[in-house]
C-alpha atoms as a PDB file:
ATOM      1  CA  MET A   1     -36.097 -62.398  33.972  1.00  0.00           C
ATOM      2  CA  LYS A   2     -39.320 -60.409  34.067  1.00  0.00           C
ATOM      3  CA  ILE A   3     -41.081 -58.823  31.093  1.00  0.00           C
ATOM      4  CA  ALA A   4     -44.031 -56.480  30.583  1.00  0.00           C
ATOM      5  CA  SER A   5     -46.561 -57.052  27.798  1.00  0.00           C
ATOM      6  CA  PHE A   6     -48.631 -54.444  25.937  1.00  0.00           C
ATOM      7  CA  PHE A   7     -51.522 -54.821  23.477  1.00  0.00           C
ATOM      8  CA  SER A   8     -51.536 -58.293  25.005  1.00  0.00           C
ATOM      9  CA  GLY A   9     -54.728 -59.794  23.553  1.00  0.00           C
ATOM     10  CA  ALA A  10     -54.874 -63.502  24.274  1.00  0.00           C
ATOM     11  CA  GLY A  11     -51.121 -63.509  24.834  1.00  0.00           C
ATOM     12  CA  GLY A  12     -49.502 -65.527  22.051  1.00  0.00           C
ATOM     13  CA  LEU A  13     -46.379 -63.386  22.233  1.00  0.00           C
ATOM     14  CA  ASP A  14     -46.396 -63.672  26.025  1.00  0.00           C
ATOM     15  CA  LEU A  15     -46.668 -67.455  25.946  1.00  0.00           C
ATOM     16  CA  GLY A  16     -43.755 -67.688  23.519  1.00  0.00           C
ATOM     17  CA  PHE A  17     -41.620 -65.613  25.876  1.00  0.00           C
ATOM     18  CA  THR A  18     -42.608 -67.537  29.005  1.00  0.00           C
ATOM     19  CA  ASN A  19     -41.888 -70.798  27.166  1.00  0.00           C
ATOM     20  CA  ALA A  20     -38.402 -69.401  26.537  1.00  0.00           C
ATOM     21  CA  GLY A  21     -37.856 -68.795  30.260  1.00  0.00           C
ATOM     22  CA  PHE A  22     -39.060 -65.243  30.817  1.00  0.00           C
ATOM     23  CA  LYS A  23     -41.574 -64.412  33.558  1.00  0.00           C
ATOM     24  CA  LEU A  24     -44.612 -62.281  32.781  1.00  0.00           C
ATOM     25  CA  ALA A  25     -44.850 -59.527  35.418  1.00  0.00           C
ATOM     26  CA  PHE A  26     -47.292 -57.104  33.773  1.00  0.00           C
ATOM     27  CA  ALA A  27     -49.804 -57.123  30.912  1.00  0.00           C
ATOM     28  CA  ASN A  28     -52.042 -54.450  29.436  1.00  0.00           C
ATOM     29  CA  ASP A  29     -54.975 -54.477  27.011  1.00  0.00           C
ATOM     30  CA  ASN A  30     -58.163 -52.392  27.004  1.00  0.00           C
ATOM     31  CA  TRP A  31     -60.285 -54.806  24.921  1.00  0.00           C
ATOM     32  CA  GLY A  32     -62.649 -56.618  27.264  1.00  0.00           C
ATOM     33  CA  GLY A  33     -63.048 -59.542  24.878  1.00  0.00           C
ATOM     34  CA  CYS A  34     -59.610 -60.908  25.782  1.00  0.00           C
ATOM     35  CA  TRP A  35     -59.488 -60.333  29.525  1.00  0.00           C
ATOM     36  CA  GLU A  36     -60.908 -63.636  30.773  1.00  0.00           C
ATOM     37  CA  THR A  37     -58.871 -65.652  28.283  1.00  0.00           C
ATOM     38  CA  PHE A  38     -55.657 -63.866  29.197  1.00  0.00           C
ATOM     39  CA  GLU A  39     -56.081 -64.028  32.944  1.00  0.00           C
ATOM     40  CA  LYS A  40     -57.146 -67.682  33.107  1.00  0.00           C
ATOM     41  CA  ASN A  41     -54.335 -68.877  30.830  1.00  0.00           C
ATOM     42  CA  HIS A  42     -51.470 -66.700  32.066  1.00  0.00           C
ATOM     43  CA  GLY A  43     -52.421 -66.543  35.724  1.00  0.00           C
ATOM     44  CA  ILE A  44     -51.989 -62.794  36.200  1.00  0.00           C
ATOM     45  CA  THR A  45     -54.430 -59.890  36.314  1.00  0.00           C
ATOM     46  CA  ILE A  46     -54.382 -57.805  33.168  1.00  0.00           C
ATOM     47  CA  ASN A  47     -54.223 -54.013  33.383  1.00  0.00           C
ATOM     48  CA  LYS A  48     -57.350 -52.882  31.556  1.00  0.00           C
ATOM     49  CA  LYS A  49     -56.488 -49.260  30.746  1.00  0.00           C
ATOM     50  CA  SER A  50     -55.829 -47.833  27.320  1.00  0.00           C
ATOM     51  CA  ILE A  51     -52.078 -47.436  26.842  1.00  0.00           C
ATOM     52  CA  THR A  52     -52.794 -43.724  26.332  1.00  0.00           C
ATOM     53  CA  ASP A  53     -53.844 -43.531  30.000  1.00  0.00           C
ATOM     54  CA  LEU A  54     -51.104 -45.775  31.375  1.00  0.00           C
ATOM     55  CA  SER A  55     -48.332 -44.242  33.468  1.00  0.00           C
ATOM     56  CA  SER A  56     -44.853 -45.707  33.786  1.00  0.00           C
ATOM     57  CA  GLU A  57     -45.282 -45.828  37.578  1.00  0.00           C
ATOM     58  CA  GLU A  58     -47.849 -48.613  37.127  1.00  0.00           C
ATOM     59  CA  ILE A  59     -45.313 -50.856  35.387  1.00  0.00           C
ATOM     60  CA  PRO A  60     -42.942 -52.908  37.567  1.00  0.00           C
ATOM     61  CA  GLU A  61     -39.206 -53.104  36.930  1.00  0.00           C
ATOM     62  CA  VAL A  62     -38.619 -55.553  34.100  1.00  0.00           C
ATOM     63  CA  VAL A  63     -35.829 -56.457  31.671  1.00  0.00           C
ATOM     64  CA  GLY A  64     -38.008 -56.211  28.583  1.00  0.00           C
ATOM     65  CA  PHE A  65     -41.148 -54.817  26.946  1.00  0.00           C
ATOM     66  CA  VAL A  66     -42.991 -56.866  24.320  1.00  0.00           C
ATOM     67  CA  GLY A  67     -46.017 -55.920  22.261  1.00  0.00           C
ATOM     68  CA  GLY A  68     -47.715 -55.613  18.914  1.00  0.00           C
ATOM     69  CA  PRO A  69     -49.287 -52.161  18.492  1.00  0.00           C
ATOM     70  CA  PRO A  70     -52.567 -52.405  16.510  1.00  0.00           C
ATOM     71  CA  CYS A  71     -51.778 -53.238  12.896  1.00  0.00           C
ATOM     72  CA  GLN A  72     -55.002 -52.328  11.051  1.00  0.00           C
ATOM     73  CA  SER A  73     -53.693 -48.831  10.282  1.00  0.00           C
ATOM     74  CA  TRP A  74     -50.704 -50.231   8.413  1.00  0.00           C
ATOM     75  CA  SER A  75     -52.326 -53.255   6.757  1.00  0.00           C
ATOM     76  CA  LEU A  76     -52.293 -53.582   2.972  1.00  0.00           C
ATOM     77  CA  ALA A  77     -55.761 -55.120   3.286  1.00  0.00           C
ATOM     78  CA  GLY A  78     -57.150 -52.104   5.127  1.00  0.00           C
ATOM     79  CA  ARG A  79     -57.467 -48.378   4.448  1.00  0.00           C
ATOM     80  CA  MET A  80     -53.740 -47.858   5.114  1.00  0.00           C
ATOM     81  CA  GLU A  81     -54.240 -44.643   7.069  1.00  0.00           C
ATOM     82  CA  GLY A  82     -51.102 -45.317   9.101  1.00  0.00           C
ATOM     83  CA  ILE A  83     -50.203 -42.572  11.546  1.00  0.00           C
ATOM     84  CA  LYS A  84     -53.360 -40.624  10.568  1.00  0.00           C
ATOM     85  CA  ASP A  85     -55.375 -43.348  12.315  1.00  0.00           C
ATOM     86  CA  PRO A  86     -55.449 -42.987  16.136  1.00  0.00           C
ATOM     87  CA  ARG A  87     -54.549 -46.684  16.329  1.00  0.00           C
ATOM     88  CA  GLY A  88     -51.405 -46.009  14.310  1.00  0.00           C
ATOM     89  CA  GLN A  89     -50.356 -43.370  16.841  1.00  0.00           C
ATOM     90  CA  LEU A  90     -50.299 -45.943  19.653  1.00  0.00           C
ATOM     91  CA  PHE A  91     -46.768 -46.871  18.572  1.00  0.00           C
ATOM     92  CA  TYR A  92     -45.649 -43.553  20.073  1.00  0.00           C
ATOM     93  CA  ASN A  93     -47.356 -44.304  23.394  1.00  0.00           C
ATOM     94  CA  TYR A  94     -45.366 -47.542  23.468  1.00  0.00           C
ATOM     95  CA  ILE A  95     -42.150 -45.603  22.775  1.00  0.00           C
ATOM     96  CA  LYS A  96     -42.964 -43.120  25.547  1.00  0.00           C
ATOM     97  CA  LEU A  97     -43.277 -45.867  28.166  1.00  0.00           C
ATOM     98  CA  ILE A  98     -40.057 -47.519  26.967  1.00  0.00           C
ATOM     99  CA  LYS A  99     -38.271 -44.176  27.226  1.00  0.00           C
ATOM    100  CA  GLU A 100     -39.461 -43.707  30.809  1.00  0.00           C
ATOM    101  CA  LYS A 101     -38.718 -47.266  32.023  1.00  0.00           C
ATOM    102  CA  GLN A 102     -35.546 -47.992  29.966  1.00  0.00           C
ATOM    103  CA  PRO A 103     -35.809 -51.820  29.878  1.00  0.00           C
ATOM    104  CA  LEU A 104     -32.807 -53.760  28.557  1.00  0.00           C
ATOM    105  CA  PHE A 105     -34.741 -54.735  25.440  1.00  0.00           C
ATOM    106  CA  PHE A 106     -38.026 -54.245  23.646  1.00  0.00           C
ATOM    107  CA  LEU A 107     -39.859 -56.084  20.890  1.00  0.00           C
ATOM    108  CA  ALA A 108     -42.550 -54.709  18.586  1.00  0.00           C
ATOM    109  CA  GLU A 109     -44.461 -56.736  15.995  1.00  0.00           C
ATOM    110  CA  ASN A 110     -46.496 -55.425  13.064  1.00  0.00           C
ATOM    111  CA  VAL A 111     -47.824 -56.276   9.610  1.00  0.00           C
ATOM    112  CA  ALA A 112     -45.771 -56.236   6.408  1.00  0.00           C
ATOM    113  CA  GLY A 113     -47.711 -53.175   5.212  1.00  0.00           C
ATOM    114  CA  ILE A 114     -45.754 -50.955   7.585  1.00  0.00           C
ATOM    115  CA  LEU A 115     -42.830 -51.345   5.142  1.00  0.00           C
ATOM    116  CA  SER A 116     -44.928 -50.334   2.118  1.00  0.00           C
ATOM    117  CA  PRO A 117     -43.804 -47.244   0.156  1.00  0.00           C
ATOM    118  CA  LYS A 118     -46.703 -45.291   1.672  1.00  0.00           C
ATOM    119  CA  HIS A 119     -45.767 -46.046   5.287  1.00  0.00           C
ATOM    120  CA  TYR A 120     -41.996 -46.625   5.137  1.00  0.00           C
ATOM    121  CA  PRO A 121     -41.064 -42.973   5.884  1.00  0.00           C
ATOM    122  CA  GLU A 122     -43.225 -43.035   9.022  1.00  0.00           C
ATOM    123  CA  PHE A 123     -41.813 -46.423   9.989  1.00  0.00           C
ATOM    124  CA  MET A 124     -38.280 -45.009   9.770  1.00  0.00           C
ATOM    125  CA  LYS A 125     -39.359 -42.125  12.021  1.00  0.00           C
ATOM    126  CA  ILE A 126     -40.495 -44.728  14.558  1.00  0.00           C
ATOM    127  CA  ILE A 127     -37.139 -46.521  14.307  1.00  0.00           C
ATOM    128  CA  LYS A 128     -35.289 -43.236  14.814  1.00  0.00           C
ATOM    129  CA  GLU A 129     -37.428 -42.489  17.884  1.00  0.00           C
ATOM    130  CA  PHE A 130     -36.385 -45.820  19.383  1.00  0.00           C
ATOM    131  CA  GLU A 131     -32.747 -44.996  18.631  1.00  0.00           C
ATOM    132  CA  LYS A 132     -33.053 -41.531  20.185  1.00  0.00           C
ATOM    133  CA  ILE A 133     -34.221 -42.977  23.507  1.00  0.00           C
ATOM    134  CA  GLY A 134     -31.180 -45.232  23.817  1.00  0.00           C
ATOM    135  CA  TYR A 135     -31.614 -48.390  21.749  1.00  0.00           C
ATOM    136  CA  LYS A 136     -29.722 -50.177  19.005  1.00  0.00           C
ATOM    137  CA  VAL A 137     -32.563 -51.295  16.742  1.00  0.00           C
ATOM    138  CA  SER A 138     -32.833 -54.274  14.396  1.00  0.00           C
ATOM    139  CA  TYR A 139     -35.856 -54.978  12.202  1.00  0.00           C
ATOM    140  CA  LYS A 140     -36.732 -57.581   9.619  1.00  0.00           C
ATOM    141  CA  LEU A 141     -39.695 -58.905   7.646  1.00  0.00           C
ATOM    142  CA  LEU A 142     -40.091 -62.566   8.581  1.00  0.00           C
ATOM    143  CA  ASP A 143     -42.480 -65.305   7.475  1.00  0.00           C
ATOM    144  CA  ALA A 144     -43.648 -67.428  10.409  1.00  0.00           C
ATOM    145  CA  LYS A 145     -43.745 -70.541   8.204  1.00  0.00           C
ATOM    146  CA  PHE A 146     -39.940 -70.674   8.462  1.00  0.00           C
ATOM    147  CA  PHE A 147     -40.118 -70.591  12.260  1.00  0.00           C
ATOM    148  CA  ASN A 148     -42.091 -73.696  13.287  1.00  0.00           C
ATOM    149  CA  VAL A 149     -45.522 -72.366  12.298  1.00  0.00           C
ATOM    150  CA  PRO A 150     -47.766 -74.186   9.744  1.00  0.00           C
ATOM    151  CA  GLN A 151     -48.922 -70.914   8.210  1.00  0.00           C
ATOM    152  CA  GLU A 152     -47.767 -68.251   5.791  1.00  0.00           C
ATOM    153  CA  ARG A 153     -47.672 -65.135   7.949  1.00  0.00           C
ATOM    154  CA  LYS A 154     -45.372 -62.238   7.105  1.00  0.00           C
ATOM    155  CA  ARG A 155     -44.709 -59.860   9.948  1.00  0.00           C
ATOM    156  CA  VAL A 156     -42.187 -57.125  10.718  1.00  0.00           C
ATOM    157  CA  ILE A 157     -40.293 -57.767  13.939  1.00  0.00           C
ATOM    158  CA  VAL A 158     -38.473 -54.886  15.612  1.00  0.00           C
ATOM    159  CA  VAL A 159     -36.067 -55.633  18.458  1.00  0.00           C
ATOM    160  CA  GLY A 160     -34.131 -52.989  20.356  1.00  0.00           C
ATOM    161  CA  TYR A 161     -31.229 -53.619  22.731  1.00  0.00           C
ATOM    162  CA  HIS A 162     -30.332 -50.882  25.196  1.00  0.00           C
ATOM    163  CA  HIS A 163     -27.013 -49.234  24.333  1.00  0.00           C
ATOM    164  CA  LYS A 164     -25.566 -50.280  27.688  1.00  0.00           C
ATOM    165  CA  LEU A 165     -25.747 -53.914  26.538  1.00  0.00           C
ATOM    166  CA  GLY A 166     -23.225 -53.107  23.819  1.00  0.00           C
ATOM    167  CA  LYS A 167     -24.836 -55.581  21.450  1.00  0.00           C
ATOM    168  CA  GLU A 168     -27.185 -55.674  18.480  1.00  0.00           C
ATOM    169  CA  PHE A 169     -29.935 -58.272  18.107  1.00  0.00           C
ATOM    170  CA  GLU A 170     -29.315 -60.727  15.273  1.00  0.00           C
ATOM    171  CA  PHE A 171     -32.347 -62.523  13.908  1.00  0.00           C
ATOM    172  CA  PRO A 172     -32.390 -66.321  14.160  1.00  0.00           C
ATOM    173  CA  LYS A 173     -31.942 -68.253  10.948  1.00  0.00           C
ATOM    174  CA  ALA A 174     -34.956 -69.609   9.125  1.00  0.00           C
ATOM    175  CA  SER A 175     -35.595 -73.341   9.286  1.00  0.00           C
ATOM    176  CA  LEU A 176     -35.844 -75.460   6.154  1.00  0.00           C
ATOM    177  CA  ARG A 177     -38.315 -77.701   7.971  1.00  0.00           C
ATOM    178  CA  LEU A 178     -41.845 -76.588   7.115  1.00  0.00           C
ATOM    179  CA  PHE A 179     -44.797 -77.833   9.167  1.00  0.00           C
ATOM    180  CA  THR A 180     -47.973 -78.788   7.323  1.00  0.00           C
ATOM    181  CA  LEU A 181     -51.682 -78.519   7.959  1.00  0.00           C
ATOM    182  CA  LYS A 182     -51.772 -82.306   8.294  1.00  0.00           C
ATOM    183  CA  GLU A 183     -49.317 -82.119  11.191  1.00  0.00           C
ATOM    184  CA  ALA A 184     -51.157 -79.201  12.771  1.00  0.00           C
ATOM    185  CA  ILE A 185     -54.804 -80.275  12.627  1.00  0.00           C
ATOM    186  CA  GLY A 186     -54.932 -83.720  11.018  1.00  0.00           C
ATOM    187  CA  ASP A 187     -55.669 -85.494  14.302  1.00  0.00           C
ATOM    188  CA  LEU A 188     -58.483 -83.205  15.457  1.00  0.00           C
ATOM    189  CA  SER A 189     -61.982 -84.615  15.658  1.00  0.00           C
ATOM    190  CA  LYS A 190     -64.719 -83.129  13.500  1.00  0.00           C
ATOM    191  CA  PRO A 191     -65.830 -79.755  14.896  1.00  0.00           C
ATOM    192  CA  ILE A 192     -69.403 -78.561  15.238  1.00  0.00           C
ATOM    193  CA  PRO A 193     -71.016 -75.420  13.831  1.00  0.00           C
ATOM    194  CA  ALA A 194     -71.563 -72.454  16.135  1.00  0.00           C
ATOM    195  CA  SER A 195     -74.971 -72.197  17.727  1.00  0.00           C
ATOM    196  CA  GLU A 196     -77.645 -69.745  16.588  1.00  0.00           C
ATOM    197  CA  ARG A 197     -76.329 -66.269  15.673  1.00  0.00           C
ATOM    198  CA  ASN A 198     -72.789 -67.640  15.847  1.00  0.00           C
ATOM    199  CA  LYS A 199     -72.796 -67.952  19.615  1.00  0.00           C
ATOM    200  CA  SER A 200     -70.548 -70.406  21.420  1.00  0.00           C
ATOM    201  CA  ASN A 201     -71.754 -73.935  22.120  1.00  0.00           C
ATOM    202  CA  GLY A 202     -70.153 -73.758  25.557  1.00  0.00           C
ATOM    203  CA  LYS A 203     -67.991 -76.579  26.864  1.00  0.00           C
ATOM    204  CA  LEU A 204     -66.938 -79.069  24.185  1.00  0.00           C
ATOM    205  CA  SER A 205     -64.967 -82.330  24.361  1.00  0.00           C
ATOM    206  CA  VAL A 206     -62.265 -80.525  22.357  1.00  0.00           C
ATOM    207  CA  PRO A 207     -62.336 -76.937  23.668  1.00  0.00           C
ATOM    208  CA  ASN A 208     -63.216 -74.286  21.068  1.00  0.00           C
ATOM    209  CA  ASN A 209     -63.625 -76.849  18.274  1.00  0.00           C
ATOM    210  CA  GLU A 210     -66.536 -74.984  16.648  1.00  0.00           C
ATOM    211  CA  TYR A 211     -66.740 -72.937  13.481  1.00  0.00           C
ATOM    212  CA  MET A 212     -68.556 -69.865  12.215  1.00  0.00           C
ATOM    213  CA  ASN A 213     -71.691 -70.283  10.106  1.00  0.00           C
ATOM    214  CA  GLY A 214     -72.928 -67.987   7.371  1.00  0.00           C
ATOM    215  CA  GLY A 215     -72.407 -67.237   3.719  1.00  0.00           C
ATOM    216  CA  PHE A 216     -69.238 -66.229   1.935  1.00  0.00           C
ATOM    217  CA  SER A 217     -68.848 -62.694   0.551  1.00  0.00           C
ATOM    218  CA  THR A 218     -67.912 -61.914  -3.050  1.00  0.00           C
ATOM    219  CA  ILE A 219     -64.566 -60.704  -1.723  1.00  0.00           C
ATOM    220  CA  TYR A 220     -64.019 -64.070  -0.067  1.00  0.00           C
ATOM    221  CA  MET A 221     -65.039 -65.891  -3.257  1.00  0.00           C
ATOM    222  CA  SER A 222     -62.621 -63.813  -5.365  1.00  0.00           C
ATOM    223  CA  ARG A 223     -59.658 -65.992  -4.325  1.00  0.00           C
ATOM    224  CA  ASN A 224     -58.918 -69.612  -3.615  1.00  0.00           C
ATOM    225  CA  ARG A 225     -59.275 -70.089   0.142  1.00  0.00           C
ATOM    226  CA  VAL A 226     -58.223 -73.740   0.354  1.00  0.00           C
ATOM    227  CA  ARG A 227     -54.756 -75.025   1.174  1.00  0.00           C
ATOM    228  CA  GLY A 228     -54.023 -78.751   0.938  1.00  0.00           C
ATOM    229  CA  TRP A 229     -53.031 -81.058   3.768  1.00  0.00           C
ATOM    230  CA  ASN A 230     -49.345 -80.958   2.802  1.00  0.00           C
ATOM    231  CA  GLU A 231     -49.187 -77.177   2.555  1.00  0.00           C
ATOM    232  CA  GLN A 232     -49.066 -74.312   5.027  1.00  0.00           C
ATOM    233  CA  SER A 233     -52.234 -72.405   5.856  1.00  0.00           C
ATOM    234  CA  PHE A 234     -53.108 -68.996   4.542  1.00  0.00           C
ATOM    235  CA  THR A 235     -52.661 -66.265   7.166  1.00  0.00           C
ATOM    236  CA  ILE A 236     -55.108 -66.671  10.052  1.00  0.00           C
ATOM    237  CA  GLN A 237     -56.953 -63.356  10.205  1.00  0.00           C
ATOM    238  CA  ALA A 238     -58.784 -61.697  13.078  1.00  0.00           C
ATOM    239  CA  GLY A 239     -62.208 -62.064  11.444  1.00  0.00           C
ATOM    240  CA  GLY A 240     -63.994 -65.400  11.501  1.00  0.00           C
ATOM    241  CA  ARG A 241     -65.786 -64.738   8.219  1.00  0.00           C
ATOM    242  CA  HIS A 242     -62.400 -64.710   6.498  1.00  0.00           C
ATOM    243  CA  ALA A 243     -61.070 -67.873   8.124  1.00  0.00           C
ATOM    244  CA  PRO A 244     -59.562 -70.244   5.535  1.00  0.00           C
ATOM    245  CA  ILE A 245     -61.474 -73.309   4.351  1.00  0.00           C
ATOM    246  CA  HIS A 246     -60.597 -76.667   5.875  1.00  0.00           C
ATOM    247  CA  PRO A 247     -58.151 -78.706   3.707  1.00  0.00           C
ATOM    248  CA  GLN A 248     -60.696 -81.533   3.321  1.00  0.00           C
ATOM    249  CA  ALA A 249     -62.204 -79.486   0.468  1.00  0.00           C
ATOM    250  CA  PRO A 250     -60.832 -79.359  -3.096  1.00  0.00           C
ATOM    251  CA  LYS A 251     -59.215 -76.122  -4.265  1.00  0.00           C
ATOM    252  CA  MET A 252     -61.795 -73.594  -5.398  1.00  0.00           C
ATOM    253  CA  LYS A 253     -62.531 -73.480  -9.124  1.00  0.00           C
ATOM    254  CA  PHE A 254     -61.361 -70.474 -11.156  1.00  0.00           C
ATOM    255  CA  ILE A 255     -64.192 -68.886 -13.147  1.00  0.00           C
ATOM    256  CA  GLU A 256     -62.719 -65.542 -14.141  1.00  0.00           C
ATOM    257  CA  GLN A 257     -60.546 -62.840 -12.617  1.00  0.00           C
ATOM    258  CA  ASN A 258     -61.701 -62.168  -9.030  1.00  0.00           C
ATOM    259  CA  LYS A 259     -64.294 -64.938  -9.151  1.00  0.00           C
ATOM    260  CA  ARG A 260     -64.082 -68.524  -7.959  1.00  0.00           C
ATOM    261  CA  GLU A 261     -66.611 -71.172  -7.029  1.00  0.00           C
ATOM    262  CA  PHE A 262     -66.798 -74.244  -4.843  1.00  0.00           C
ATOM    263  CA  VAL A 263     -66.433 -77.462  -6.823  1.00  0.00           C
ATOM    264  CA  LYS A 264     -69.882 -78.816  -7.645  1.00  0.00           C
ATOM    265  CA  GLY A 265     -70.741 -81.985  -5.761  1.00  0.00           C
ATOM    266  CA  SER A 266     -68.269 -81.131  -2.982  1.00  0.00           C
ATOM    267  CA  GLU A 267     -70.058 -78.131  -1.486  1.00  0.00           C
ATOM    268  CA  HIS A 268     -70.549 -79.950   1.839  1.00  0.00           C
ATOM    269  CA  LEU A 269     -66.772 -80.038   2.339  1.00  0.00           C
ATOM    270  CA  TYR A 270     -66.371 -76.276   2.302  1.00  0.00           C
ATOM    271  CA  ARG A 271     -66.450 -75.002   5.859  1.00  0.00           C
ATOM    272  CA  ARG A 272     -64.355 -72.486   7.714  1.00  0.00           C
ATOM    273  CA  LEU A 273     -61.602 -73.676  10.009  1.00  0.00           C
ATOM    274  CA  SER A 274     -62.794 -73.971  13.592  1.00  0.00           C
ATOM    275  CA  VAL A 275     -61.571 -71.728  16.398  1.00  0.00           C
ATOM    276  CA  ARG A 276     -59.435 -74.580  17.730  1.00  0.00           C
ATOM    277  CA  GLU A 277     -58.040 -75.385  14.288  1.00  0.00           C
ATOM    278  CA  CYS A 278     -57.029 -71.741  13.907  1.00  0.00           C
ATOM    279  CA  ALA A 279     -55.469 -71.870  17.384  1.00  0.00           C
ATOM    280  CA  ARG A 280     -53.478 -74.981  16.409  1.00  0.00           C
ATOM    281  CA  ILE A 281     -52.259 -73.221  13.247  1.00  0.00           C
ATOM    282  CA  GLN A 282     -51.228 -70.269  15.440  1.00  0.00           C
ATOM    283  CA  THR A 283     -49.375 -72.905  17.560  1.00  0.00           C
ATOM    284  CA  PHE A 284     -51.392 -72.423  20.754  1.00  0.00           C
ATOM    285  CA  PRO A 285     -51.426 -75.627  22.828  1.00  0.00           C
ATOM    286  CA  ASP A 286     -54.747 -77.427  23.320  1.00  0.00           C
ATOM    287  CA  ASP A 287     -54.797 -76.621  27.043  1.00  0.00           C
ATOM    288  CA  PHE A 288     -54.920 -72.910  26.186  1.00  0.00           C
ATOM    289  CA  ILE A 289     -58.666 -72.251  26.341  1.00  0.00           C
ATOM    290  CA  PHE A 290     -60.359 -69.293  24.679  1.00  0.00           C
ATOM    291  CA  TYR A 291     -63.347 -67.827  26.527  1.00  0.00           C
ATOM    292  CA  TYR A 292     -66.064 -66.034  24.568  1.00  0.00           C
ATOM    293  CA  THR A 293     -69.812 -65.838  23.991  1.00  0.00           C
ATOM    294  CA  ASP A 294     -69.650 -64.652  20.392  1.00  0.00           C
ATOM    295  CA  ILE A 295     -67.555 -67.015  18.325  1.00  0.00           C
ATOM    296  CA  ALA A 296     -66.236 -63.983  16.414  1.00  0.00           C
ATOM    297  CA  ASP A 297     -64.291 -62.990  19.535  1.00  0.00           C
ATOM    298  CA  GLY A 298     -62.517 -66.347  19.533  1.00  0.00           C
ATOM    299  CA  TYR A 299     -61.334 -65.824  15.965  1.00  0.00           C
ATOM    300  CA  LYS A 300     -60.361 -62.235  16.776  1.00  0.00           C
ATOM    301  CA  MET A 301     -58.153 -63.219  19.711  1.00  0.00           C
ATOM    302  CA  ILE A 302     -56.408 -65.900  17.711  1.00  0.00           C
ATOM    303  CA  GLY A 303     -55.992 -63.919  14.505  1.00  0.00           C
ATOM    304  CA  ASN A 304     -54.528 -60.920  16.334  1.00  0.00           C
ATOM    305  CA  ALA A 305     -52.014 -63.068  18.225  1.00  0.00           C
ATOM    306  CA  VAL A 306     -48.364 -63.637  17.429  1.00  0.00           C
ATOM    307  CA  PRO A 307     -47.913 -67.379  16.751  1.00  0.00           C
ATOM    308  CA  VAL A 308     -46.567 -68.918  19.951  1.00  0.00           C
ATOM    309  CA  LYS A 309     -43.750 -70.936  18.370  1.00  0.00           C
ATOM    310  CA  PHE A 310     -42.662 -67.963  16.265  1.00  0.00           C
ATOM    311  CA  ALA A 311     -42.460 -65.778  19.373  1.00  0.00           C
ATOM    312  CA  GLU A 312     -40.589 -68.525  21.205  1.00  0.00           C
ATOM    313  CA  VAL A 313     -37.801 -68.701  18.604  1.00  0.00           C
ATOM    314  CA  ILE A 314     -37.177 -64.961  18.890  1.00  0.00           C
ATOM    315  CA  ALA A 315     -37.487 -65.004  22.692  1.00  0.00           C
ATOM    316  CA  LYS A 316     -34.925 -67.810  23.006  1.00  0.00           C
ATOM    317  CA  LYS A 317     -32.400 -65.762  21.032  1.00  0.00           C
ATOM    318  CA  ILE A 318     -32.986 -62.742  23.286  1.00  0.00           C
ATOM    319  CA  MET A 319     -32.655 -64.946  26.385  1.00  0.00           C
ATOM    320  CA  GLU A 320     -29.358 -66.385  25.084  1.00  0.00           C
ATOM    321  CA  ASP A 321     -27.987 -62.896  24.484  1.00  0.00           C
ATOM    322  CA  LEU A 322     -28.965 -61.644  27.942  1.00  0.00           C
ATOM    323  CA  LYS A 323     -27.491 -64.695  29.674  1.00  0.00           C
ATOM    324  CA  GLU A 324     -24.288 -64.365  27.673  1.00  0.00           C
ATOM    325  CA  LEU A 325     -23.915 -60.693  28.575  1.00  0.00           C
ATOM    326  CA  LYS A 326     -24.734 -61.374  32.233  1.00  0.00           C
ATOM    327  CA  ALA A 327     -22.041 -64.064  32.381  1.00  0.00           C
ATOM    328  CA  LYS A 328     -19.324 -61.664  31.204  1.00  0.00           C
END
């Protein structure tokens, strides 16, 4: 069963779906920083246009569309401009292509902030647009840590089934088994710092096992950034400067509201997670190589991705439903 991917990035969502048995027939992303990584790992050429310039005739016949429209517009950590931001409007370009191609299903992923009181009315307009073009829509706020991912990561998942399927998507149940940082990265060898100006060191014995250098902002130092070995990671973000601290370090010391410090005598233990450690936490396999010159692009690709194992759980449920309906 073939799918088309949009806002593809490095392709965490895509890998989850192909692991579940789908075949990737088309992918689109206009950010050049992800193209080499996507093409070398997924084995297909990525369409490099903006989705605003993409016509439905360029997309092959597929059973499903998957994608995560840019989330910065809806993020609680950002300016929350929502639909006023051109990036927020890209959701409607996604809807337009779905309307024209009428796949059997679609999936859209976004940040929890899209359900905030400020953005909820616009989110419901988006849901109604999906319903108007022929889909029975289900949505839910999920935390990836309950779906085989060693990381707290709350995301809104929207799945639409075409009315002709006569079925509504039901979200898989959360697992009580939580994976830890120890299980995710405990066996990795010690990484090395990025080269001068945070450039890549090139080929390493463990690919991408390098971390960003540089100081920590007052915003970063306003919160504890350390999770222990037996806990789940903080959310892996798209910016390397905000990568969590490796669990070898003690929890940061509270000084006063919005101010913490590294524990004296242990300063050498406080380093950002490496690109590969972040990839492991996002459940990318070690043979998935990230290609970049600026190490920041490695963190960006990983932080913007849907965790592979999280995507796989949802994809398996969709695959089961489609096979069941096909067998009838």
